Amino acid sequence: MLLKIARHEINRRSAPPVGVELDDMAHQAAADALLAILAKLGTYRGESRFTTWVYKFVVFEVLNKLKRWRVHNRALALDVHAEQWQALSVGFAAEPSHHVEARDAIAAVPWVSG
């Protein structure tokens, strides 16, 4: 039951992993949820159906696994566009004299107070 819930929750999310990776994540989430359920079994008060109580553990584990998976598989824009970042940084590498000239030019502009 836990595995079925985990697969369902992973497939519901946007851009989930596919194939073996999805199956592996579902198994890991179900196993981790089972451990959490067994650890918290004494706190079950019977205010809801047991399956509803169990479901939240599986959903929590799936969300945790998906978050870690997305962070791990994220393609950083810095790596993809390294040459663009290099070109951008050249514009900020001005000589100190340029900063002084810009400051003097701004100071020379007569500001009209309203």
N, C-alpha and C. Protein backbone atom coordinates (compact mmCIF):
# COMPACT_ATOMS: atom_id res chain seq x y z
N MET A 1 0.82 -1.18 0.00
CA MET A 1 0.00 0.00 0.00
C MET A 1 0.87 1.26 0.00
N LEU A 2 1.94 1.26 0.80
CA LEU A 2 2.81 2.44 0.88
C LEU A 2 3.48 2.71 -0.46
N LEU A 3 3.92 1.66 -1.11
CA LEU A 3 4.57 1.81 -2.42
C LEU A 3 3.60 2.37 -3.45
N LYS A 4 2.37 1.90 -3.42
CA LYS A 4 1.35 2.39 -4.36
C LYS A 4 1.09 3.89 -4.13
N ILE A 5 0.99 4.27 -2.88
CA ILE A 5 0.78 5.68 -2.54
C ILE A 5 1.97 6.52 -3.00
N ALA A 6 3.18 6.02 -2.75
CA ALA A 6 4.39 6.76 -3.12
C ALA A 6 4.46 6.96 -4.63
N ARG A 7 4.19 5.91 -5.40
CA ARG A 7 4.21 6.05 -6.87
C ARG A 7 3.17 7.06 -7.34
N HIS A 8 1.98 6.99 -6.75
CA HIS A 8 0.91 7.91 -7.13
C HIS A 8 1.33 9.35 -6.84
N GLU A 9 1.89 9.60 -5.68
CA GLU A 9 2.27 10.96 -5.31
C GLU A 9 3.43 11.48 -6.16
N ILE A 10 4.38 10.63 -6.49
CA ILE A 10 5.48 11.07 -7.35
C ILE A 10 4.96 11.43 -8.73
N ASN A 11 4.06 10.63 -9.27
CA ASN A 11 3.51 10.90 -10.61
C ASN A 11 2.63 12.15 -10.65
N ARG A 12 2.04 12.51 -9.53
CA ARG A 12 1.20 13.71 -9.48
C ARG A 12 1.99 15.00 -9.59
N ARG A 13 3.21 14.97 -9.18
CA ARG A 13 4.04 16.18 -9.12
C ARG A 13 4.52 16.55 -10.51
N SER A 14 4.81 17.84 -10.69
CA SER A 14 5.27 18.30 -12.00
C SER A 14 6.70 17.84 -12.24
N ALA A 15 6.94 17.35 -13.45
CA ALA A 15 8.26 16.88 -13.91
C ALA A 15 8.89 15.88 -12.95
N PRO A 16 8.20 14.77 -12.67
CA PRO A 16 8.80 13.77 -11.78
C PRO A 16 9.88 12.97 -12.49
N PRO A 17 10.68 12.24 -11.73
CA PRO A 17 11.64 11.35 -12.38
C PRO A 17 10.91 10.23 -13.11
N VAL A 18 11.57 9.59 -14.04
CA VAL A 18 10.92 8.53 -14.82
C VAL A 18 11.75 7.25 -14.74
N GLY A 19 11.11 6.15 -15.11
CA GLY A 19 11.79 4.86 -15.23
C GLY A 19 12.30 4.31 -13.92
N VAL A 20 13.53 3.85 -13.95
CA VAL A 20 14.14 3.21 -12.79
C VAL A 20 14.28 4.20 -11.64
N GLU A 21 14.56 5.44 -11.98
CA GLU A 21 14.72 6.47 -10.95
C GLU A 21 13.42 6.69 -10.18
N LEU A 22 12.29 6.70 -10.88
CA LEU A 22 11.00 6.84 -10.24
C LEU A 22 10.72 5.66 -9.33
N ASP A 23 10.97 4.46 -9.82
CA ASP A 23 10.73 3.25 -9.03
C ASP A 23 11.61 3.23 -7.79
N ASP A 24 12.86 3.60 -7.94
CA ASP A 24 13.78 3.63 -6.82
C ASP A 24 13.33 4.66 -5.79
N MET A 25 12.93 5.84 -6.24
CA MET A 25 12.46 6.88 -5.33
C MET A 25 11.21 6.43 -4.59
N ALA A 26 10.29 5.78 -5.28
CA ALA A 26 9.06 5.29 -4.65
C ALA A 26 9.38 4.26 -3.57
N HIS A 27 10.30 3.34 -3.87
CA HIS A 27 10.68 2.34 -2.87
C HIS A 27 11.35 2.98 -1.65
N GLN A 28 12.22 3.94 -1.90
CA GLN A 28 12.89 4.63 -0.79
C GLN A 28 11.89 5.40 0.07
N ALA A 29 10.97 6.11 -0.58
CA ALA A 29 9.97 6.88 0.17
C ALA A 29 9.07 5.96 0.98
N ALA A 30 8.66 4.84 0.39
CA ALA A 30 7.79 3.89 1.11
C ALA A 30 8.54 3.29 2.30
N ALA A 31 9.80 2.94 2.12
CA ALA A 31 10.58 2.37 3.22
C ALA A 31 10.80 3.38 4.34
N ASP A 32 11.14 4.62 3.98
CA ASP A 32 11.33 5.65 4.99
C ASP A 32 10.02 5.98 5.70
N ALA A 33 8.93 5.97 4.96
CA ALA A 33 7.62 6.22 5.58
C ALA A 33 7.28 5.11 6.56
N LEU A 34 7.57 3.86 6.20
CA LEU A 34 7.31 2.75 7.10
C LEU A 34 8.09 2.89 8.40
N LEU A 35 9.35 3.29 8.31
CA LEU A 35 10.14 3.51 9.51
C LEU A 35 9.55 4.63 10.38
N ALA A 36 9.12 5.71 9.74
CA ALA A 36 8.52 6.82 10.48
C ALA A 36 7.20 6.40 11.11
N ILE A 37 6.42 5.62 10.40
CA ILE A 37 5.13 5.15 10.93
C ILE A 37 5.36 4.27 12.15
N LEU A 38 6.29 3.35 12.05
CA LEU A 38 6.58 2.46 13.18
C LEU A 38 7.10 3.24 14.39
N ALA A 39 7.89 4.27 14.14
CA ALA A 39 8.42 5.09 15.23
C ALA A 39 7.31 5.90 15.91
N LYS A 40 6.30 6.30 15.15
CA LYS A 40 5.22 7.16 15.69
C LYS A 40 3.93 6.39 15.96
N LEU A 41 3.95 5.10 15.86
CA LEU A 41 2.73 4.30 16.01
C LEU A 41 2.04 4.55 17.34
N GLY A 42 2.80 4.79 18.37
CA GLY A 42 2.21 5.06 19.68
C GLY A 42 1.48 6.38 19.77
N THR A 43 1.71 7.28 18.82
CA THR A 43 1.03 8.59 18.85
C THR A 43 -0.28 8.59 18.07
N TYR A 44 -0.58 7.48 17.40
CA TYR A 44 -1.85 7.41 16.64
C TYR A 44 -3.00 7.41 17.63
N ARG A 45 -3.90 8.40 17.51
CA ARG A 45 -5.01 8.57 18.46
C ARG A 45 -6.33 8.04 17.94
N GLY A 46 -6.38 7.64 16.70
CA GLY A 46 -7.63 7.10 16.16
C GLY A 46 -8.64 8.16 15.77
N GLU A 47 -8.23 9.42 15.65
CA GLU A 47 -9.15 10.49 15.28
C GLU A 47 -9.47 10.49 13.79
N SER A 48 -8.67 9.77 13.01
CA SER A 48 -8.92 9.62 11.58
C SER A 48 -8.67 8.16 11.23
N ARG A 49 -9.01 7.80 10.01
CA ARG A 49 -8.73 6.43 9.58
C ARG A 49 -7.22 6.21 9.61
N PHE A 50 -6.83 5.00 9.90
CA PHE A 50 -5.41 4.68 9.97
C PHE A 50 -4.73 4.94 8.63
N THR A 51 -5.42 4.60 7.54
CA THR A 51 -4.83 4.79 6.20
C THR A 51 -4.60 6.28 5.91
N THR A 52 -5.49 7.14 6.40
CA THR A 52 -5.31 8.58 6.22
C THR A 52 -4.09 9.06 6.99
N TRP A 53 -3.93 8.55 8.19
CA TRP A 53 -2.79 8.91 9.03
C TRP A 53 -1.48 8.46 8.37
N VAL A 54 -1.49 7.25 7.81
CA VAL A 54 -0.32 6.69 7.15
C VAL A 54 0.01 7.48 5.89
N TYR A 55 -1.02 7.90 5.17
CA TYR A 55 -0.84 8.60 3.89
C TYR A 55 0.04 9.83 4.06
N LYS A 56 -0.16 10.57 5.16
CA LYS A 56 0.61 11.80 5.34
C LYS A 56 2.10 11.53 5.50
N PHE A 57 2.45 10.39 6.08
CA PHE A 57 3.86 10.03 6.19
C PHE A 57 4.47 9.77 4.82
N VAL A 58 3.74 9.09 3.98
CA VAL A 58 4.24 8.78 2.64
C VAL A 58 4.38 10.07 1.82
N VAL A 59 3.39 10.94 1.89
CA VAL A 59 3.44 12.20 1.15
C VAL A 59 4.64 13.03 1.61
N PHE A 60 4.86 13.09 2.92
CA PHE A 60 6.00 13.83 3.44
C PHE A 60 7.31 13.27 2.90
N GLU A 61 7.45 11.96 2.90
CA GLU A 61 8.68 11.34 2.41
C GLU A 61 8.86 11.57 0.90
N VAL A 62 7.78 11.48 0.14
CA VAL A 62 7.85 11.72 -1.30
C VAL A 62 8.30 13.16 -1.57
N LEU A 63 7.70 14.12 -0.88
CA LEU A 63 8.08 15.52 -1.08
C LEU A 63 9.54 15.75 -0.72
N ASN A 64 10.00 15.12 0.35
CA ASN A 64 11.38 15.25 0.75
C ASN A 64 12.32 14.66 -0.31
N LYS A 65 11.98 13.48 -0.82
CA LYS A 65 12.81 12.84 -1.85
C LYS A 65 12.81 13.67 -3.14
N LEU A 66 11.65 14.20 -3.55
CA LEU A 66 11.58 15.01 -4.77
C LEU A 66 12.38 16.30 -4.64
N LYS A 67 12.33 16.91 -3.46
CA LYS A 67 13.09 18.13 -3.24
C LYS A 67 14.59 17.85 -3.40
N ARG A 68 15.06 16.79 -2.78
CA ARG A 68 16.47 16.45 -2.89
C ARG A 68 16.84 16.08 -4.33
N TRP A 69 15.95 15.38 -5.02
CA TRP A 69 16.21 14.98 -6.40
C TRP A 69 16.32 16.20 -7.30
N ARG A 70 15.42 17.17 -7.09
CA ARG A 70 15.44 18.38 -7.93
C ARG A 70 16.69 19.21 -7.68
N VAL A 71 17.09 19.32 -6.42
CA VAL A 71 18.30 20.07 -6.11
C VAL A 71 19.51 19.37 -6.74
N HIS A 72 19.55 18.07 -6.66
CA HIS A 72 20.67 17.31 -7.20
C HIS A 72 20.74 17.39 -8.73
N ASN A 73 19.59 17.44 -9.39
CA ASN A 73 19.55 17.41 -10.85
C ASN A 73 19.40 18.78 -11.49
N ARG A 74 19.45 19.81 -10.70
CA ARG A 74 19.27 21.16 -11.23
C ARG A 74 20.46 21.55 -12.09
N ALA A 75 20.19 22.06 -13.26
CA ALA A 75 21.26 22.55 -14.14
C ALA A 75 21.46 24.02 -13.82
N LEU A 76 22.61 24.35 -13.30
CA LEU A 76 22.88 25.72 -12.91
C LEU A 76 23.16 26.59 -14.12
N ALA A 77 22.54 27.73 -14.15
CA ALA A 77 22.73 28.65 -15.27
C ALA A 77 24.16 29.16 -15.33
N LEU A 78 24.83 29.19 -14.20
CA LEU A 78 26.21 29.67 -14.19
C LEU A 78 27.11 28.76 -15.02
N ASP A 79 26.88 27.46 -14.96
CA ASP A 79 27.70 26.53 -15.72
C ASP A 79 27.37 26.58 -17.20
N VAL A 80 26.12 26.75 -17.53
CA VAL A 80 25.67 26.73 -18.92
C VAL A 80 26.16 27.96 -19.67
N HIS A 81 26.14 29.09 -19.02
CA HIS A 81 26.45 30.35 -19.70
C HIS A 81 27.70 31.00 -19.11
N ALA A 82 28.74 30.23 -18.88
CA ALA A 82 29.95 30.76 -18.25
C ALA A 82 30.57 31.87 -19.07
N GLU A 83 30.56 31.73 -20.40
CA GLU A 83 31.17 32.78 -21.22
C GLU A 83 30.38 34.08 -21.15
N GLN A 84 29.06 34.00 -20.98
CA GLN A 84 28.26 35.21 -20.84
C GLN A 84 28.55 35.92 -19.52
N TRP A 85 28.73 35.13 -18.46
CA TRP A 85 29.07 35.73 -17.17
C TRP A 85 30.45 36.39 -17.25
N GLN A 86 31.37 35.76 -17.96
CA GLN A 86 32.71 36.33 -18.10
C GLN A 86 32.63 37.67 -18.84
N ALA A 87 31.84 37.72 -19.91
CA ALA A 87 31.70 38.95 -20.68
C ALA A 87 31.04 40.04 -19.83
N LEU A 88 30.09 39.67 -19.00
CA LEU A 88 29.41 40.63 -18.14
C LEU A 88 30.37 41.20 -17.10
N SER A 89 31.21 40.36 -16.55
CA SER A 89 32.12 40.83 -15.51
C SER A 89 33.17 41.80 -16.04
N VAL A 90 33.48 41.73 -17.34
CA VAL A 90 34.45 42.64 -17.94
C VAL A 90 33.95 44.08 -17.84
N GLY A 91 32.66 44.29 -17.99
CA GLY A 91 32.09 45.63 -17.90
C GLY A 91 32.20 46.25 -16.52
N PHE A 92 32.32 45.42 -15.49
CA PHE A 92 32.42 45.93 -14.13
C PHE A 92 33.86 46.09 -13.67
N ALA A 93 34.79 45.69 -14.49
CA ALA A 93 36.20 45.76 -14.11
C ALA A 93 36.80 47.10 -14.57
N ALA A 94 36.23 48.19 -14.10
CA ALA A 94 36.70 49.51 -14.51
C ALA A 94 37.88 49.94 -13.64
N GLU A 95 38.69 50.81 -14.20
CA GLU A 95 39.83 51.37 -13.48
C GLU A 95 39.31 52.33 -12.40
N PRO A 96 40.05 52.51 -11.34
CA PRO A 96 39.64 53.46 -10.30
C PRO A 96 39.45 54.88 -10.84
N SER A 97 40.26 55.24 -11.84
CA SER A 97 40.13 56.59 -12.41
C SER A 97 38.76 56.79 -13.07
N HIS A 98 38.20 55.70 -13.63
CA HIS A 98 36.86 55.82 -14.23
C HIS A 98 35.81 56.13 -13.18
N HIS A 99 35.98 55.54 -12.00
CA HIS A 99 35.02 55.81 -10.93
C HIS A 99 35.12 57.27 -10.46
N VAL A 100 36.33 57.77 -10.39
CA VAL A 100 36.54 59.17 -9.99
C VAL A 100 35.94 60.11 -11.02
N GLU A 101 36.17 59.83 -12.31
CA GLU A 101 35.60 60.66 -13.38
C GLU A 101 34.08 60.65 -13.34
N ALA A 102 33.50 59.48 -13.12
CA ALA A 102 32.04 59.38 -13.07
C ALA A 102 31.50 60.15 -11.87
N ARG A 103 32.18 60.07 -10.73
CA ARG A 103 31.75 60.80 -9.54
C ARG A 103 31.82 62.30 -9.78
N ASP A 104 32.90 62.75 -10.41
CA ASP A 104 33.04 64.18 -10.70
C ASP A 104 31.99 64.65 -11.69
N ALA A 105 31.67 63.81 -12.69
CA ALA A 105 30.65 64.19 -13.68
C ALA A 105 29.29 64.29 -13.03
N ILE A 106 28.98 63.38 -12.14
CA ILE A 106 27.69 63.45 -11.44
C ILE A 106 27.64 64.65 -10.53
N ALA A 107 28.74 64.97 -9.88
CA ALA A 107 28.77 66.14 -8.99
C ALA A 107 28.65 67.44 -9.76
N ALA A 108 29.08 67.45 -11.03
CA ALA A 108 29.04 68.67 -11.85
C ALA A 108 27.64 68.96 -12.37
N VAL A 109 26.74 67.98 -12.37
CA VAL A 109 25.40 68.19 -12.89
C VAL A 109 24.61 69.02 -11.86
N PRO A 110 24.07 70.16 -12.33
CA PRO A 110 23.28 70.97 -11.39
C PRO A 110 21.92 70.30 -11.12
N TRP A 111 21.70 69.98 -9.88
CA TRP A 111 20.45 69.33 -9.49
C TRP A 111 19.42 70.40 -9.18
N VAL A 112 18.26 70.24 -9.72
CA VAL A 112 17.17 71.19 -9.49
C VAL A 112 16.33 70.62 -8.36
N SER A 113 16.24 71.33 -7.29
CA SER A 113 15.41 70.84 -6.19
C SER A 113 13.99 71.35 -6.41
N GLY A 114 13.04 70.48 -6.09
CA GLY A 114 11.64 70.75 -6.36
C GLY A 114 11.05 71.60 -5.37
